[in-house]
Protein backbone atom coordinates (compact mmCIF):
# COMPACT_ATOMS: atom_id res chain seq x y z
CA MET A 1 -26.56 -19.91 -2.70
CA ALA A 2 -24.70 -20.77 0.62
CA LEU A 3 -21.61 -18.56 1.50
CA THR A 4 -18.27 -19.95 0.44
CA GLU A 5 -14.96 -19.45 2.22
CA GLN A 6 -14.19 -16.70 -0.32
CA SER A 7 -17.43 -15.05 0.67
CA ASN A 8 -16.88 -15.26 4.45
CA ILE A 9 -13.28 -13.69 3.91
CA SER A 10 -14.93 -10.77 1.82
CA ILE A 11 -17.39 -10.19 4.62
CA ALA A 12 -14.35 -10.02 7.15
CA GLN A 13 -12.67 -7.62 4.89
CA ILE A 14 -15.74 -5.16 4.74
CA VAL A 15 -15.90 -5.37 8.45
CA ILE A 16 -12.42 -4.68 9.06
CA PHE A 17 -11.81 -2.13 6.35
CA VAL A 18 -14.72 0.04 6.82
CA PRO A 19 -13.54 1.27 10.26
CA SER A 20 -10.05 1.39 8.67
CA LEU A 21 -11.24 3.63 5.91
CA PHE A 22 -12.85 5.91 8.75
CA LEU A 23 -9.40 5.95 10.61
CA ALA A 24 -7.56 6.68 7.59
CA LEU A 25 -9.95 9.88 6.95
CA VAL A 26 -9.42 11.05 10.45
CA LEU A 27 -5.55 10.78 10.12
CA ALA A 28 -5.88 12.55 6.65
CA ILE A 29 -8.12 15.32 8.19
CA ARG A 30 -5.77 15.73 11.43
CA HIS A 31 -2.40 15.88 9.51
CA GLY A 32 -3.87 17.54 6.17
CA PHE A 33 -4.75 15.78 3.06
CA GLY A 34 -2.41 18.10 0.95
CA ARG A 35 0.51 17.38 3.27
CA SER A 36 0.12 13.59 3.84
CA SER A 37 0.04 11.38 0.88
CA GLY A 38 0.74 8.29 3.08
CA TRP A 39 -2.68 8.62 4.62
CA PHE A 40 -4.30 9.38 1.26
CA TYR A 41 -2.96 5.97 -0.12
CA LEU A 42 -4.36 4.18 2.93
CA ILE A 43 -7.79 5.69 2.17
CA ALA A 44 -7.44 4.35 -1.26
CA PHE A 45 -6.29 0.80 -0.05
CA SER A 46 -9.22 0.58 2.16
CA LEU A 47 -11.63 1.68 -0.51
CA ALA A 48 -9.95 -0.91 -2.90
CA ARG A 49 -10.49 -3.67 -0.41
CA ILE A 50 -14.15 -2.74 0.33
CA ILE A 51 -14.97 -2.51 -3.23
CA GLY A 52 -13.20 -5.59 -4.17
CA ALA A 53 -15.09 -7.52 -1.55
CA SER A 54 -18.37 -6.19 -2.56
CA LEU A 55 -17.47 -7.48 -6.08
CA GLN A 56 -16.96 -10.92 -4.88
CA LEU A 57 -19.99 -11.02 -2.75
CA ALA A 58 -22.00 -9.89 -5.86
CA THR A 59 -20.84 -13.16 -7.62
CA ILE A 60 -23.12 -14.95 -5.26
CA SER A 61 -26.28 -13.86 -7.08
CA ASP A 62 -24.48 -13.82 -10.45
CA PRO A 63 -21.84 -16.28 -10.51
CA THR A 64 -21.40 -16.47 -14.25
CA ASN A 65 -20.35 -12.61 -14.48
CA ILE A 66 -16.75 -12.74 -15.40
CA GLY A 67 -16.57 -9.07 -14.89
CA LEU A 68 -17.22 -9.35 -11.12
CA HIS A 69 -14.54 -12.03 -10.60
CA VAL A 70 -11.89 -10.14 -12.49
CA GLY A 71 -12.62 -6.95 -10.96
CA ALA A 72 -12.22 -8.59 -7.53
CA ALA A 73 -9.10 -10.15 -8.36
CA THR A 74 -7.69 -6.99 -9.91
CA LEU A 75 -8.54 -4.95 -6.84
CA GLN A 76 -6.92 -7.77 -4.66
CA ASN A 77 -3.64 -7.52 -6.88
CA ILE A 78 -3.24 -3.84 -6.89
CA GLY A 79 -3.63 -3.38 -3.21
CA LEU A 80 0.19 -3.80 -2.70
CA SER A 81 1.30 -0.69 -4.03
CA PRO A 82 -0.63 1.64 -1.79
CA LEU A 83 0.85 -0.17 1.38
CA ILE A 84 4.37 0.43 -0.05
CA MET A 85 3.53 4.24 -0.60
CA VAL A 86 2.04 4.49 2.88
CA MET A 87 5.42 2.97 4.17
CA LEU A 88 7.27 5.62 2.06
CA GLY A 89 5.20 8.44 3.82
CA LEU A 90 5.89 7.06 7.21
CA ILE A 91 9.66 6.67 6.71
CA GLY A 92 9.78 9.88 4.76
CA ARG A 93 8.42 11.92 7.79
CA ALA A 94 11.12 10.27 10.06
CA LEU A 95 13.65 11.13 7.41
CA GLY A 96 12.65 14.68 7.39
CA THR A 97 13.39 15.08 10.98
CA ILE A 98 16.89 13.69 10.59
CA GLN A 99 17.44 16.04 7.66
CA ASN A 100 16.75 19.11 10.29
CA SER A 101 19.72 17.98 12.35
CA THR A 102 22.20 16.21 9.88
CA THR A 103 22.61 15.21 6.36
CA SER A 104 21.44 11.71 5.12
CA LEU A 105 22.35 9.38 2.16
CA ILE A 106 18.60 9.39 1.17
CA SER A 107 17.47 12.75 -0.60
CA GLN A 108 14.15 13.94 -1.71
CA LYS A 109 14.74 13.04 -5.35
CA ARG A 110 15.57 9.45 -4.30
CA MET A 111 12.44 9.30 -2.20
CA ARG A 112 10.12 10.50 -5.06
CA LEU A 113 11.91 7.97 -7.45
CA ILE A 114 10.72 5.22 -5.27
CA HIS A 115 7.25 6.63 -4.93
CA VAL A 116 7.14 6.84 -8.74
CA ILE A 117 8.10 3.08 -9.11
CA ALA A 118 5.47 2.19 -6.86
CA LEU A 119 2.91 4.27 -8.73
CA VAL A 120 3.78 2.97 -12.07
CA GLY A 121 3.86 -0.47 -10.81
CA LEU A 122 0.30 0.18 -9.49
CA ILE A 123 -0.96 1.48 -12.95
CA LEU A 124 0.57 -1.48 -14.81
CA SER A 125 -0.96 -3.91 -12.55
CA ALA A 126 -4.42 -2.51 -13.01
CA ILE A 127 -3.94 -2.19 -16.87
CA GLY A 128 -2.71 -5.93 -16.79
CA GLY A 129 -5.71 -7.07 -14.85
CA SER A 130 -8.03 -5.57 -17.17
CA ASN A 131 -6.27 -7.13 -20.15
CA SER A 132 -6.37 -10.60 -18.32
CA GLY A 133 -10.09 -10.13 -17.74
CA SER A 134 -10.64 -9.38 -21.51
CA ASP A 135 -8.85 -12.69 -22.28
CA LEU A 136 -10.79 -14.66 -19.84
CA SER A 137 -14.19 -13.45 -21.27
CA LYS A 138 -12.91 -14.48 -24.84
CA THR A 139 -11.16 -17.75 -24.13
CA GLY A 140 -12.51 -18.85 -20.75
CA VAL A 141 -8.85 -19.26 -19.40
CA TYR A 142 -7.32 -16.78 -17.02
CA THR A 143 -3.76 -15.74 -18.08
CA VAL A 144 -1.55 -13.25 -16.27
CA SER A 145 -0.70 -10.36 -18.38
CA SER A 146 2.78 -9.30 -19.14
CA LEU A 147 1.97 -5.80 -17.98
CA THR A 148 0.84 -7.39 -14.47
CA GLN A 149 4.28 -9.06 -14.36
CA ALA A 150 6.14 -5.83 -15.11
CA GLY A 151 4.10 -4.09 -12.27
CA ILE A 152 4.70 -6.57 -9.68
CA GLY A 153 8.56 -6.52 -10.84
CA LEU A 154 8.42 -2.75 -10.25
CA LEU A 155 6.69 -3.13 -6.88
CA ILE A 156 9.53 -5.70 -5.84
CA ALA A 157 12.08 -3.05 -6.67
CA ALA A 158 10.18 -0.42 -4.69
CA TYR A 159 10.20 -2.87 -1.66
CA VAL A 160 13.85 -3.54 -1.78
CA LEU A 161 14.54 0.42 -1.98
CA LEU A 162 11.83 0.91 0.86
CA VAL A 163 13.94 -1.85 2.99
CA LEU A 164 17.36 0.13 2.05
CA THR A 165 15.85 3.37 3.00
CA THR A 166 14.57 2.10 6.27
CA ILE A 167 17.85 0.71 7.02
CA VAL A 168 19.64 4.02 6.44
CA VAL A 169 17.12 5.80 8.66
CA ALA A 170 17.41 3.39 11.31
CA THR A 171 21.16 3.95 11.51
CA GLN A 172 20.52 7.59 12.07
CA ILE A 173 17.57 7.16 14.48
CA SER A 174 19.30 9.29 17.17
CA TYR A 175 18.65 12.29 15.02
CA VAL A 176 14.93 11.53 14.77
CA GLU A 177 13.09 13.90 17.05
CA SER A 178 11.17 12.73 20.14
CA GLY A 179 8.00 11.22 19.34
CA GLU A 180 8.95 10.41 15.61
CA LYS A 181 11.09 7.39 16.48
CA ARG A 182 7.96 5.21 16.46
CA LEU A 183 7.56 5.79 12.73
CA VAL A 184 10.74 3.68 12.09
CA LEU A 185 9.37 1.07 14.40
CA ALA A 186 6.10 0.93 12.48
CA VAL A 187 7.75 0.56 9.10
CA GLY A 188 10.23 -1.98 10.69
CA LEU A 189 7.56 -4.17 12.14
CA SER A 190 5.36 -3.80 8.80
CA LEU A 191 8.07 -4.97 6.48
CA PRO A 192 8.16 -8.65 7.20
CA PHE A 193 4.39 -8.89 6.74
CA LEU A 194 4.57 -6.81 3.34
CA LEU A 195 7.27 -9.18 2.32
CA ILE A 196 5.04 -12.10 2.71
CA ARG A 197 2.24 -10.20 0.86
CA LEU A 198 4.61 -9.40 -1.97
CA ALA A 199 5.82 -13.14 -2.12
CA TYR A 200 1.92 -14.20 -2.67
CA SER A 201 1.81 -11.67 -5.56
CA ALA A 202 5.03 -12.63 -6.87
CA GLU A 203 4.11 -16.34 -6.86
CA SER A 204 0.76 -15.56 -8.36
CA VAL A 205 2.06 -13.82 -11.48
CA TYR A 206 5.39 -15.51 -12.09
CA GLY A 207 4.83 -18.87 -10.88
CA HIS A 208 2.89 -21.99 -12.13
CA ASN A 209 1.24 -23.12 -8.97
CA SER A 210 -2.39 -23.34 -9.35
CA SER A 211 -2.97 -22.90 -5.63
CA PHE A 212 -1.84 -19.09 -6.37
CA ASN A 213 -4.18 -18.64 -9.03
CA GLN A 214 -6.01 -15.16 -8.62
CA ILE A 215 -9.32 -16.49 -9.87
CA SER A 216 -9.35 -20.37 -8.50
CA GLY A 217 -6.40 -20.40 -6.11
CA ASN A 218 -6.26 -22.06 -2.59
CA ILE A 219 -8.36 -19.78 -0.40
CA ASN A 220 -6.46 -20.74 2.68
CA ILE A 221 -3.03 -19.53 1.12
CA GLN A 222 -4.72 -16.35 0.10
CA LEU A 223 -6.00 -15.62 3.36
CA GLY A 224 -2.83 -16.47 5.26
CA MET A 225 -0.22 -14.70 2.87
CA ALA A 226 -2.40 -11.76 1.59
CA VAL A 227 -5.61 -10.84 3.68
CA ILE A 228 -4.16 -11.20 7.18
CA MET A 229 -0.84 -9.71 6.19
CA GLU A 230 -2.59 -6.36 4.88
CA MET A 231 -4.87 -6.26 8.09
CA ILE A 232 -1.80 -6.29 10.11
CA VAL A 233 -0.05 -3.87 8.31
CA THR A 234 -3.16 -1.54 8.18
CA ALA A 235 -3.35 -1.79 11.94
CA ILE A 236 0.25 -0.90 12.61
CA CYS A 237 0.05 2.04 10.41
CA GLU A 238 -3.05 3.32 11.73
CA GLY A 239 -2.06 2.57 15.32
CA ILE A 240 1.09 4.52 15.04
CA GLY A 241 -0.81 7.25 13.04
CA MET A 242 -3.18 7.82 15.87
CA THR A 243 -0.26 8.64 18.37
CA LEU A 244 1.63 11.18 16.22
CA ARG A 245 1.28 14.66 16.90
CA LYS A 246 -0.04 17.24 14.45
CA LEU A 247 2.95 19.21 13.19
CA PRO A 248 2.40 22.84 12.94
CA ARG A 249 1.99 24.13 9.28
CA SER A 250 5.25 26.09 9.50
CA HIS A 251 7.10 22.77 10.12
CA THR A 252 5.53 21.07 7.22
CA ALA A 253 5.43 20.60 3.52
CA ALA A 254 3.18 19.48 1.00
CA ALA A 255 2.95 15.67 0.61
CA THR A 256 4.47 16.10 -3.01
CA GLY A 257 7.74 17.55 -1.59
CA TYR A 258 7.12 20.70 -3.46
CA GLN A 259 6.99 23.88 -1.41
CA GLN A 260 4.25 26.45 -1.69
CA PRO A 261 5.42 30.12 -2.09
CA GLY A 262 6.70 31.29 1.16
CA GLN A 263 6.69 28.06 2.79
CA GLN A 264 9.73 27.21 4.87
CA ARG A 265 12.17 24.86 3.35
CA GLU A 266 13.26 23.11 6.74
CA ALA A 267 9.71 22.13 7.01
CA ASP A 268 9.73 19.17 4.76
CA HIS A 269 9.55 16.25 7.11
CA GLU A 270 5.72 16.05 7.27
CA LEU A 271 4.40 12.81 6.29
CA GLY A 272 4.92 12.36 2.58
CA GLY A 273 7.28 15.39 2.26
CA TYR A 274 11.07 14.65 1.76
CA LYS A 275 14.22 16.45 1.53
C-alpha cells in the first residue's frame, strides 16, 4: 500500500523524536533522573510520539485493525500533559533560584498542585481514549469519551496556572541566578506554541468539526496545530537544557520536592523541585 500523508508525518515524527529521546536521556543523566522530573516527562513524551507513529505505520499492513488506529490516536492526545509538566519543571527551577533570595507568591505546594492537575488530566485522557476505542470496535463510530473531555479540561486549567506562574516568575526575574534566566525565556517562548497545541486538543474533544476528528480529521490541521507545535516546544526545551549547568548535589532537591534526610532545604531549585 502506498504511503499516505499521515504515514509521511509518522515517519517524520520517528525521525525527529528518536534523536529527541536520546537528548532527553542525556539531559536526565546530566541533571539526575531523581532530581529532574521535567526531563523524565520529556523522555515519556518522546517515547509516546515514537510508539504512536509506529502504531500508525503498522496500519499500512493491517488497515482494518481498530486497535492500531485507536492506540495511535490516544497517544497523540495524551502527549500534551508531559509537555506541560516539562514547562513546570523548567519554571520551577527558575522559581527555586528566586526563593533563595526573596519570597514569591508561588509556593512549593502550589507548584505540586499544578503538577497533579496535569497528571490527572493525562490519566483521564488515556482512560477516555481506551473507552472510545472500545466503543469504536463495537459500533464502528468514534465518539469522544466524557473522561477525555474531563482530562482536557484539567489540562486547560494546568496551562492557565502555568501561564500565571510564568508571569509571576518573570516579574521577579532580577532575582533569578545568572545562567538560569534562560529558563524563563524558554517557557515564555514555548507557551504560544503550547496554546495552539492545546486549542487543537480542545476542538477535537469539545467541538463538532469533523476536520478535528482524532481518527479521520484533516491531516494538514493536525500537522500545523499539533505535530509541528510539539516539535518546536521540544526543540526549545532541549536546546535550553543543553546549555544549563549541572547544579551541585548540595544545591539540589528531589524532583518531587521532597527532601532526603540530611539534604539542605535551600537547595530546592533543581529542575522539578520547588519551594
